């Protein structure tokens, strides 16, 4: 069969498609699905963030994977291709947590991991049938995963990478070490999707990927993991093995990395230069309201100082409008971020992701304000806050974003830079100034700025 794999973009507020000409990393789902596809099929792929989807594509099967605000566009594309007689498969986190609803837009749904079921979906399509929802009976061990061709990453401009040292500084090559997260955060689709399970790949397999990427001339890596340090001893083994490679890497992480001195030291020695950390809130009661009390905000100051002392930049992920928040949270949060010299901020409003416990609680309480999935962008008033109005939440959201990215705050946060992190600080200065310019030219900024 001729298979067309698509990663859709999302709609802007005016209904246009969100597009960009470059991005600092790339997803690997589409090339990984191509590697999983049995021989005999012709597979092409497109990421709509860069390129236009060929709506008249002459193909047999269309595969779509999406999450967050992408899902509305994914459903629209699925409906379009089905109207043209193409068989459509939907997959991904959102689709898994809403499998029955998603099946209304598709001939088949892959709920959960694809390794065990993707070949069966294609085999059934070849026979002119479908089981509807395909769900693997067990988690994959992550050993000996199919290898992808890294030069075909959907958002990589390979010729620019070879020609431009600036692009080589900018682009981070995606690698996976683990899947899942064992923490119980109620709003999180990841732990819901994986049912709080967590697995790591064999370290030798990851090192083989890293060597293959380095052989292409790359030196910057992004671990796509949601929580690569969830098993600290496994993470330490990986970091030790990475030290001789002399790569620089970034990742998401919990704040717990700062509470294990050996783990933090190995991360720094193995090349860690920045971490995106889900602080979520500076209010203990707000964290307790979503079952993330383990974050311990009373320790944030010393934890962040420990990370910074290792020369590691911190990207803070913060939510405003949780049930423990009152209107004073905005000023206090902004001051906290500046005082702790946070390098970059991704700010969020509470998002009731369908399928999560948080969604069920908000729906039962009648507090969900928006059912338009295209607006589930993490920067819109999706729920009715407990201790403020929706307008107050969004005014505070804008206040924190604009205050954080003001010229004065940028200077306070980034200087003096962490020891040995001068080049990284320069890169974050450029990124901060770009957001500053964006916020001055756009009346309303989404939390999806990156």
Protein backbone atom coordinates (compact mmCIF):
# COMPACT_ATOMS: atom_id res chain seq x y z
CA UNK A 1 0.00 0.00 0.00
CA UNK A 2 0.92 3.66 -0.39
CA UNK A 3 0.99 5.17 3.10
CA UNK A 4 0.94 8.91 3.79
CA UNK A 5 1.97 9.83 7.37
CA UNK A 6 1.06 13.31 8.64
CA UNK A 7 1.87 15.36 11.72
CA UNK A 8 -0.71 18.17 11.53
CA UNK A 9 -0.21 21.72 12.68
CA UNK A 10 -2.83 23.61 14.71
CA UNK A 11 -5.21 26.43 13.88
CA UNK A 12 -4.47 30.01 14.85
CA UNK A 13 -7.19 31.99 16.61
CA UNK A 14 -8.31 33.43 13.25
CA UNK A 15 -8.67 29.95 11.73
CA UNK A 16 -5.48 30.05 9.67
CA UNK A 17 -2.91 27.29 9.93
CA UNK A 18 0.06 27.88 12.22
CA UNK A 19 3.26 27.69 10.18
CA UNK A 20 6.96 28.37 10.63
CA UNK A 21 10.04 28.12 8.42
CA UNK A 22 12.34 26.55 11.00
CA UNK A 23 12.16 24.81 14.34
CA UNK A 24 14.82 23.99 16.89
CA UNK A 25 14.14 20.22 16.98
CA UNK A 26 11.95 17.59 15.35
CA UNK A 27 9.55 14.87 16.34
CA UNK A 28 10.54 11.31 15.49
CA UNK A 29 7.12 9.61 15.46
CA UNK A 30 6.69 9.69 11.68
CA UNK A 31 10.15 8.33 10.74
CA UNK A 32 9.80 5.78 13.54
CA UNK A 33 6.46 4.58 12.13
CA UNK A 34 8.13 4.33 8.74
CA UNK A 35 10.84 2.14 10.29
CA UNK A 36 8.13 -0.01 11.92
CA UNK A 37 6.31 -0.54 8.61
CA UNK A 38 6.79 -4.03 7.16
CA UNK A 39 8.57 -4.31 3.80
CA UNK A 40 6.50 -3.97 0.66
CA UNK A 41 4.74 -0.71 1.50
CA UNK A 42 5.63 2.75 0.17
CA UNK A 43 5.78 5.31 2.99
CA UNK A 44 5.99 9.10 2.69
CA UNK A 45 5.65 11.63 5.47
CA UNK A 46 5.02 15.32 6.08
CA UNK A 47 5.02 17.67 9.05
CA UNK A 48 2.47 20.41 8.41
CA UNK A 49 4.29 22.87 10.66
CA UNK A 50 6.76 23.33 7.73
CA UNK A 51 5.09 21.90 4.67
CA UNK A 52 1.62 21.79 3.14
CA UNK A 53 -0.34 18.55 3.30
CA UNK A 54 -1.18 17.26 -0.18
CA UNK A 55 -4.97 17.09 0.16
CA UNK A 56 -5.25 15.30 -3.19
CA UNK A 57 -2.56 12.73 -2.39
CA UNK A 58 -2.91 9.52 -4.37
CA UNK A 59 -2.50 7.02 -1.54
CA UNK A 60 -4.21 4.06 0.11
CA UNK A 61 -3.72 4.84 3.81
CA UNK A 62 -3.34 8.10 5.73
CA UNK A 63 -1.84 8.00 9.22
CA UNK A 64 -2.23 10.97 11.57
CA UNK A 65 -0.69 11.52 15.00
CA UNK A 66 -1.58 14.53 17.12
CA UNK A 67 -1.81 15.97 20.60
CA UNK A 68 -3.09 19.15 22.23
CA UNK A 69 -4.48 21.76 19.83
CA UNK A 70 -3.31 19.69 16.84
CA UNK A 71 -6.21 17.30 17.35
CA UNK A 72 -8.83 19.56 15.75
CA UNK A 73 -6.74 19.82 12.58
CA UNK A 74 -6.10 16.05 12.69
CA UNK A 75 -9.83 15.33 12.80
CA UNK A 76 -10.46 17.74 9.91
CA UNK A 77 -7.75 16.12 7.80
CA UNK A 78 -9.03 12.65 8.68
CA UNK A 79 -12.56 13.59 7.62
CA UNK A 80 -11.24 15.08 4.37
CA UNK A 81 -9.25 12.01 3.37
CA UNK A 82 -12.06 9.61 4.29
CA UNK A 83 -14.43 11.63 2.10
CA UNK A 84 -12.02 10.89 -0.76
CA UNK A 85 -12.10 7.16 -0.07
CA UNK A 86 -8.77 6.91 1.76
CA UNK A 87 -8.48 4.72 4.83
CA UNK A 88 -7.39 6.70 7.87
CA UNK A 89 -5.54 5.67 11.04
CA UNK A 90 -5.33 7.97 14.06
CA UNK A 91 -2.88 7.60 16.96
CA UNK A 92 -1.13 9.48 19.74
CA UNK A 93 -1.78 10.51 23.32
CA UNK A 94 -5.06 12.37 22.78
CA UNK A 95 -6.41 9.67 20.49
CA UNK A 96 -5.52 6.95 22.99
CA UNK A 97 -7.36 8.71 25.82
CA UNK A 98 -10.41 9.36 23.60
CA UNK A 99 -10.31 6.25 21.42
CA UNK A 100 -14.06 5.87 20.86
CA UNK A 101 -14.55 9.52 19.92
CA UNK A 102 -11.49 9.46 17.65
CA UNK A 103 -12.78 6.38 15.84
CA UNK A 104 -15.67 8.50 14.52
CA UNK A 105 -13.06 10.22 12.32
CA UNK A 106 -11.03 7.15 11.30
CA UNK A 107 -11.13 3.59 10.00
CA UNK A 108 -8.74 2.50 12.75
CA UNK A 109 -7.32 3.90 15.97
CA UNK A 110 -4.00 2.89 17.50
CA UNK A 111 -4.54 3.26 21.25
CA UNK A 112 -1.23 3.16 23.09
CA UNK A 113 2.12 2.08 21.70
CA UNK A 114 2.37 1.18 18.03
CA UNK A 115 5.12 -1.48 17.97
CA UNK A 116 2.88 -4.50 18.42
CA UNK A 117 -0.19 -3.29 16.50
CA UNK A 118 0.92 -1.12 13.56
CA UNK A 119 1.88 -4.10 11.34
CA UNK A 120 -1.48 -5.71 12.18
CA UNK A 121 -3.41 -2.58 11.22
CA UNK A 122 -1.71 -2.61 7.81
CA UNK A 123 -2.21 -6.35 7.36
CA UNK A 124 -5.93 -5.96 8.10
CA UNK A 125 -6.22 -3.04 5.68
CA UNK A 126 -4.58 -5.18 2.99
CA UNK A 127 -7.36 -7.70 3.56
CA UNK A 128 -10.05 -5.02 3.40
CA UNK A 129 -10.98 -5.09 7.09
CA UNK A 130 -10.38 -3.24 10.35
CA UNK A 131 -10.85 -4.06 14.02
CA UNK A 132 -11.52 -0.41 14.79
CA UNK A 133 -9.51 0.16 17.97
CA UNK A 134 -6.13 -1.56 18.14
CA UNK A 135 -4.59 -1.72 21.60
CA UNK A 136 -1.42 -3.60 22.53
CA UNK A 137 -1.81 -6.07 25.38
CA UNK A 138 1.57 -5.14 26.92
CA UNK A 139 4.23 -2.44 26.96
CA UNK A 140 7.23 -2.80 24.70
CA UNK A 141 10.51 -3.56 26.47
CA UNK A 142 12.24 -0.76 24.47
CA UNK A 143 15.12 -3.10 23.63
CA UNK A 144 16.30 -3.15 20.01
CA UNK A 145 13.86 -0.56 18.70
CA UNK A 146 13.90 -0.04 14.92
CA UNK A 147 16.54 2.45 13.82
CA UNK A 148 15.45 5.59 12.04
CA UNK A 149 17.31 7.54 9.36
CA UNK A 150 18.11 10.73 11.24
CA UNK A 151 18.78 12.66 8.04
CA UNK A 152 15.06 12.34 7.19
CA UNK A 153 13.70 13.99 10.35
CA UNK A 154 10.59 15.94 9.27
CA UNK A 155 11.71 19.30 10.71
CA UNK A 156 15.42 19.01 9.99
CA UNK A 157 16.87 21.13 7.19
CA UNK A 158 19.80 18.85 6.58
CA UNK A 159 21.49 20.93 3.90
CA UNK A 160 21.36 23.97 6.19
CA UNK A 161 22.77 21.84 9.01
CA UNK A 162 25.74 20.84 6.87
CA UNK A 163 26.35 24.37 5.62
CA UNK A 164 25.71 26.64 8.62
CA UNK A 165 27.44 26.57 12.01
CA UNK A 166 24.60 28.73 13.38
CA UNK A 167 22.06 26.12 12.37
CA UNK A 168 24.24 23.43 13.95
CA UNK A 169 24.12 25.44 17.18
CA UNK A 170 20.36 25.89 16.85
CA UNK A 171 19.11 22.42 15.91
CA UNK A 172 18.84 19.79 18.66
CA UNK A 173 18.69 16.17 17.48
CA UNK A 174 15.90 14.18 19.14
CA UNK A 175 16.66 10.97 21.05
CA UNK A 176 14.53 8.80 23.35
CA UNK A 177 15.85 7.17 26.53
CA UNK A 178 12.61 6.36 28.36
CA UNK A 179 8.86 6.27 28.16
CA UNK A 180 6.31 7.18 30.80
CA UNK A 181 6.39 8.77 34.24
CA UNK A 182 5.53 7.25 37.64
CA UNK A 183 4.22 10.45 39.22
CA UNK A 184 0.45 10.91 39.83
CA UNK A 185 -0.08 14.49 38.53
CA UNK A 186 -3.81 14.60 37.76
CA UNK A 187 -3.66 17.00 34.80
CA UNK A 188 -0.94 15.02 32.99
CA UNK A 189 -1.86 13.04 29.89
CA UNK A 190 1.53 11.28 29.91
CA UNK A 191 1.12 9.45 33.21
CA UNK A 192 -2.51 8.71 32.28
CA UNK A 193 -1.49 7.32 28.88
CA UNK A 194 1.23 5.13 30.39
CA UNK A 195 -0.78 4.30 33.53
CA UNK A 196 2.11 5.60 35.66
CA UNK A 197 4.49 3.01 34.20
CA UNK A 198 8.09 3.87 33.35
CA UNK A 199 10.74 2.10 31.28
CA UNK A 200 14.19 2.91 29.97
CA UNK A 201 15.98 1.70 26.86
CA UNK A 202 19.21 -0.26 27.20
CA UNK A 203 21.99 2.29 27.60
CA UNK A 204 24.03 0.72 24.80
CA UNK A 205 21.13 1.26 22.39
CA UNK A 206 20.90 4.94 23.30
CA UNK A 207 24.65 5.39 22.97
CA UNK A 208 24.48 3.83 19.50
CA UNK A 209 21.90 6.47 18.51
CA UNK A 210 24.06 9.23 19.93
CA UNK A 211 27.12 7.99 18.05
CA UNK A 212 25.14 7.84 14.80
CA UNK A 213 24.02 11.43 15.32
CA UNK A 214 27.50 12.61 16.24
CA UNK A 215 28.86 10.97 13.07
CA UNK A 216 26.64 13.37 11.11
CA UNK A 217 28.49 16.29 12.68
CA UNK A 218 25.95 17.00 15.43
CA UNK A 219 26.81 18.03 18.96
CA UNK A 220 23.44 19.05 20.44
CA UNK A 221 20.84 16.56 21.62
CA UNK A 222 17.29 16.85 22.93
CA UNK A 223 15.97 13.95 24.97
CA UNK A 224 12.27 13.71 24.16
CA UNK A 225 11.56 11.93 27.43
CA UNK A 226 8.94 13.30 29.78
CA UNK A 227 10.99 12.36 32.85
CA UNK A 228 14.34 10.71 32.03
CA UNK A 229 15.47 10.65 35.68
CA UNK A 230 12.45 8.77 37.06
CA UNK A 231 14.79 5.80 37.71
CA UNK A 232 17.86 7.68 38.99
CA UNK A 233 20.26 4.74 38.80
CA UNK A 234 19.36 4.09 35.15
CA UNK A 235 19.85 7.78 34.37
CA UNK A 236 23.23 7.77 36.12
CA UNK A 237 24.32 4.79 34.01
CA UNK A 238 23.38 6.66 30.85
CA UNK A 239 25.08 9.90 31.91
CA UNK A 240 28.32 8.06 32.76
CA UNK A 241 28.32 6.43 29.33
CA UNK A 242 27.70 9.81 27.65
CA UNK A 243 30.66 11.63 29.19
CA UNK A 244 33.24 10.47 26.58
CA UNK A 245 30.96 11.58 23.71
CA UNK A 246 31.32 15.25 24.69
CA UNK A 247 27.84 16.20 23.51
CA UNK A 248 25.60 18.97 24.81
CA UNK A 249 22.06 18.03 25.69
CA UNK A 250 18.74 19.34 26.93
CA UNK A 251 15.69 17.58 28.32
CA UNK A 252 12.60 17.81 30.43
CA UNK A 253 13.07 16.79 34.05
CA UNK A 254 11.43 16.96 37.43
CA UNK A 255 12.99 19.18 40.07
CA UNK A 256 14.12 15.97 41.80
CA UNK A 257 17.32 16.06 39.76
CA UNK A 258 18.55 18.80 42.10
CA UNK A 259 17.94 16.62 45.16
CA UNK A 260 20.39 13.90 44.15
CA UNK A 261 23.87 15.51 44.06
CA UNK A 262 25.46 12.59 42.21
CA UNK A 263 22.74 12.58 39.55
CA UNK A 264 23.00 16.33 39.03
CA UNK A 265 26.80 16.18 38.83
CA UNK A 266 26.71 13.36 36.26
CA UNK A 267 24.11 15.23 34.21
CA UNK A 268 26.38 18.26 34.06
CA UNK A 269 29.50 16.21 33.28
CA UNK A 270 27.68 14.36 30.49
CA UNK A 271 26.85 17.64 28.77
CA UNK A 272 23.54 18.85 30.17
CA UNK A 273 23.15 22.55 29.38
CA UNK A 274 19.44 23.15 29.96
CA UNK A 275 16.45 21.51 31.63
CA UNK A 276 12.74 22.19 31.22
CA UNK A 277 11.34 21.71 34.71
CA UNK A 278 7.66 21.51 35.58
CA UNK A 279 7.58 23.66 38.69
CA UNK A 280 3.84 24.21 37.97
CA UNK A 281 3.23 26.51 40.94
CA UNK A 282 4.94 28.27 43.81
CA UNK A 283 1.85 27.54 45.96
CA UNK A 284 1.89 24.30 47.91
CA UNK A 285 -1.92 24.19 48.03
CA UNK A 286 -2.11 24.58 44.24
CA UNK A 287 0.26 21.66 43.75
CA UNK A 288 -1.70 19.55 46.22
CA UNK A 289 -4.90 20.29 44.27
CA UNK A 290 -3.47 18.42 41.24
CA UNK A 291 -1.60 15.74 43.22
CA UNK A 292 1.87 17.21 42.66
CA UNK A 293 2.74 18.04 46.24
CA UNK A 294 6.02 16.12 45.88
CA UNK A 295 7.43 19.20 44.11
CA UNK A 296 7.92 20.93 47.51
CA UNK A 297 7.99 24.62 46.51
CA UNK A 298 9.65 25.59 49.79
CA UNK A 299 12.78 23.92 48.35
CA UNK A 300 12.64 25.57 44.93
CA UNK A 301 15.14 28.34 45.73
CA UNK A 302 17.94 26.01 46.81
CA UNK A 303 17.12 23.42 44.11
CA UNK A 304 17.33 25.99 41.34
CA UNK A 305 20.53 27.42 42.82
CA UNK A 306 22.07 23.93 42.78
CA UNK A 307 21.18 23.45 39.10
CA UNK A 308 22.49 26.88 38.16
CA UNK A 309 25.73 26.21 40.08
CA UNK A 310 26.37 23.34 37.64
CA UNK A 311 26.11 25.72 34.69
CA UNK A 312 22.69 24.37 33.65
CA UNK A 313 20.04 26.77 32.37
CA UNK A 314 16.45 26.28 33.59
CA UNK A 315 13.32 26.62 31.47
CA UNK A 316 10.45 26.90 33.95
CA UNK A 317 7.02 25.45 33.21
CA UNK A 318 4.46 27.25 35.37
CA UNK A 319 0.66 27.14 35.62
CA UNK A 320 -1.46 30.02 36.86
CA UNK A 321 -5.10 29.69 37.86
CA UNK A 322 -4.96 26.42 39.82
CA UNK A 323 -7.33 25.99 42.73
CA UNK A 324 -4.88 27.24 45.36
CA UNK A 325 -4.17 30.45 43.42
CA UNK A 326 -5.56 33.88 44.22
CA UNK A 327 -4.88 37.07 42.30
CA UNK A 328 -1.68 37.72 44.25
CA UNK A 329 -0.06 34.66 42.63
CA UNK A 330 0.89 36.59 39.51
CA UNK A 331 3.09 39.19 41.16
CA UNK A 332 4.65 36.61 43.48
CA UNK A 333 5.33 34.19 40.61
CA UNK A 334 6.97 36.87 38.48
CA UNK A 335 9.23 37.94 41.33
CA UNK A 336 10.14 34.32 42.07
CA UNK A 337 11.13 33.72 38.44
CA UNK A 338 13.30 36.83 38.32
CA UNK A 339 14.92 36.23 41.71
CA UNK A 340 15.84 32.66 40.74
CA UNK A 341 17.28 33.76 37.38
CA UNK A 342 15.08 31.48 35.30
CA UNK A 343 16.39 31.50 31.72
CA UNK A 344 13.13 30.95 29.85
CA UNK A 345 9.46 30.57 30.74
CA UNK A 346 6.60 28.56 29.36
CA UNK A 347 3.47 29.72 31.11
CA UNK A 348 0.24 27.72 31.11
CA UNK A 349 -3.37 28.03 32.09
CA UNK A 350 -4.95 24.85 33.49
CA UNK A 351 -5.85 22.48 30.64
CA UNK A 352 -8.41 19.70 31.24
CA UNK A 353 -6.89 17.17 28.84
CA UNK A 354 -9.61 14.65 27.92
CA UNK A 355 -9.11 11.28 29.56
CA UNK A 356 -7.27 12.62 32.62
CA UNK A 357 -8.53 12.69 36.19
CA UNK A 358 -8.35 16.47 36.10
CA UNK A 359 -10.75 16.56 33.13
CA UNK A 360 -13.20 14.29 34.94
CA UNK A 361 -13.10 16.46 38.08
CA UNK A 362 -13.57 19.70 36.18
CA UNK A 363 -16.37 18.22 34.04
CA UNK A 364 -18.20 16.86 37.10
CA UNK A 365 -17.97 20.28 38.76
CA UNK A 366 -19.26 21.98 35.60
CA UNK A 367 -16.14 24.14 35.39
CA UNK A 368 -15.02 23.40 31.82
CA UNK A 369 -15.66 26.50 29.72
CA UNK A 370 -14.42 25.37 26.30
CA UNK A 371 -15.08 22.21 24.30
CA UNK A 372 -13.40 23.46 21.12
CA UNK A 373 -10.32 21.22 21.00
CA UNK A 374 -8.53 23.70 18.76
CA UNK A 375 -8.40 26.13 21.70
CA UNK A 376 -6.71 23.61 24.02
CA UNK A 377 -3.48 25.53 23.59
CA UNK A 378 -2.50 25.93 27.27
CA UNK A 379 -2.86 29.69 26.99
CA UNK A 380 -6.64 30.10 26.97
CA UNK A 381 -9.28 30.20 29.75
CA UNK A 382 -10.45 26.59 29.52
CA UNK A 383 -11.76 26.18 33.06
CA UNK A 384 -13.48 28.46 35.55
CA UNK A 385 -10.88 29.23 38.25
CA UNK A 386 -11.83 28.70 41.88
CA UNK A 387 -10.57 31.96 43.36
CA UNK A 388 -10.60 34.48 40.54
CA UNK A 389 -12.50 35.21 37.36
CA UNK A 390 -11.43 33.96 33.96
CA UNK A 391 -10.63 37.52 32.93
CA UNK A 392 -8.44 37.98 36.02
CA UNK A 393 -6.61 34.76 35.21
CA UNK A 394 -5.87 35.88 31.66
CA UNK A 395 -4.87 39.39 32.75
CA UNK A 396 -2.48 37.82 35.25
CA UNK A 397 -1.20 35.40 32.60
CA UNK A 398 -0.37 38.35 30.35
CA UNK A 399 1.17 40.28 33.27
CA UNK A 400 3.58 37.44 34.10
CA UNK A 401 4.55 36.81 30.48
CA UNK A 402 5.15 40.45 29.63
CA UNK A 403 6.93 41.12 32.93
CA UNK A 404 9.19 38.09 32.55
CA UNK A 405 10.21 39.02 29.01
CA UNK A 406 10.64 42.76 29.64
CA UNK A 407 14.09 44.12 28.85
CA UNK A 408 14.78 44.87 32.50
CA UNK A 409 13.77 41.36 33.65
CA UNK A 410 15.83 39.72 30.90
CA UNK A 411 18.93 41.56 32.10
CA UNK A 412 18.29 40.64 35.74
CA UNK A 413 17.68 36.99 34.96
CA UNK A 414 20.47 36.25 32.52
CA UNK A 415 23.36 38.20 34.02
CA UNK A 416 25.75 37.28 35.39
CA UNK A 417 25.53 33.92 33.57
CA UNK A 418 26.14 30.58 35.29
CA UNK A 419 29.82 29.65 35.43
CA UNK A 420 30.95 28.12 32.15
CA UNK A 421 27.62 28.76 30.44
CA UNK A 422 28.45 31.89 28.48
CA UNK A 423 27.58 30.61 25.01
CA UNK A 424 24.31 29.12 26.26
CA UNK A 425 23.45 32.38 27.97
CA UNK A 426 24.00 34.22 24.70
CA UNK A 427 21.63 31.80 22.96
CA UNK A 428 18.99 32.35 25.65
CA UNK A 429 19.46 36.11 25.39
CA UNK A 430 18.60 35.90 21.70
CA UNK A 431 15.57 33.69 22.45
CA UNK A 432 14.35 36.04 25.18
CA UNK A 433 14.67 39.08 22.93
CA UNK A 434 12.71 37.30 20.19
CA UNK A 435 9.86 36.60 22.61
CA UNK A 436 10.02 40.20 23.83
CA UNK A 437 9.51 41.35 20.23
CA UNK A 438 6.72 38.83 19.67
CA UNK A 439 4.82 39.95 22.77
CA UNK A 440 5.05 43.59 21.69
CA UNK A 441 3.61 42.76 18.27
CA UNK A 442 0.85 40.35 19.35
CA UNK A 443 -2.00 41.39 21.60
CA UNK A 444 -2.47 37.92 23.04
CA UNK A 445 0.41 35.45 23.41
CA UNK A 446 -0.21 31.73 23.63
CA UNK A 447 1.69 29.49 25.97
CA UNK A 448 2.89 27.54 22.94
CA UNK A 449 5.69 30.03 22.27
CA UNK A 450 8.91 28.05 21.84
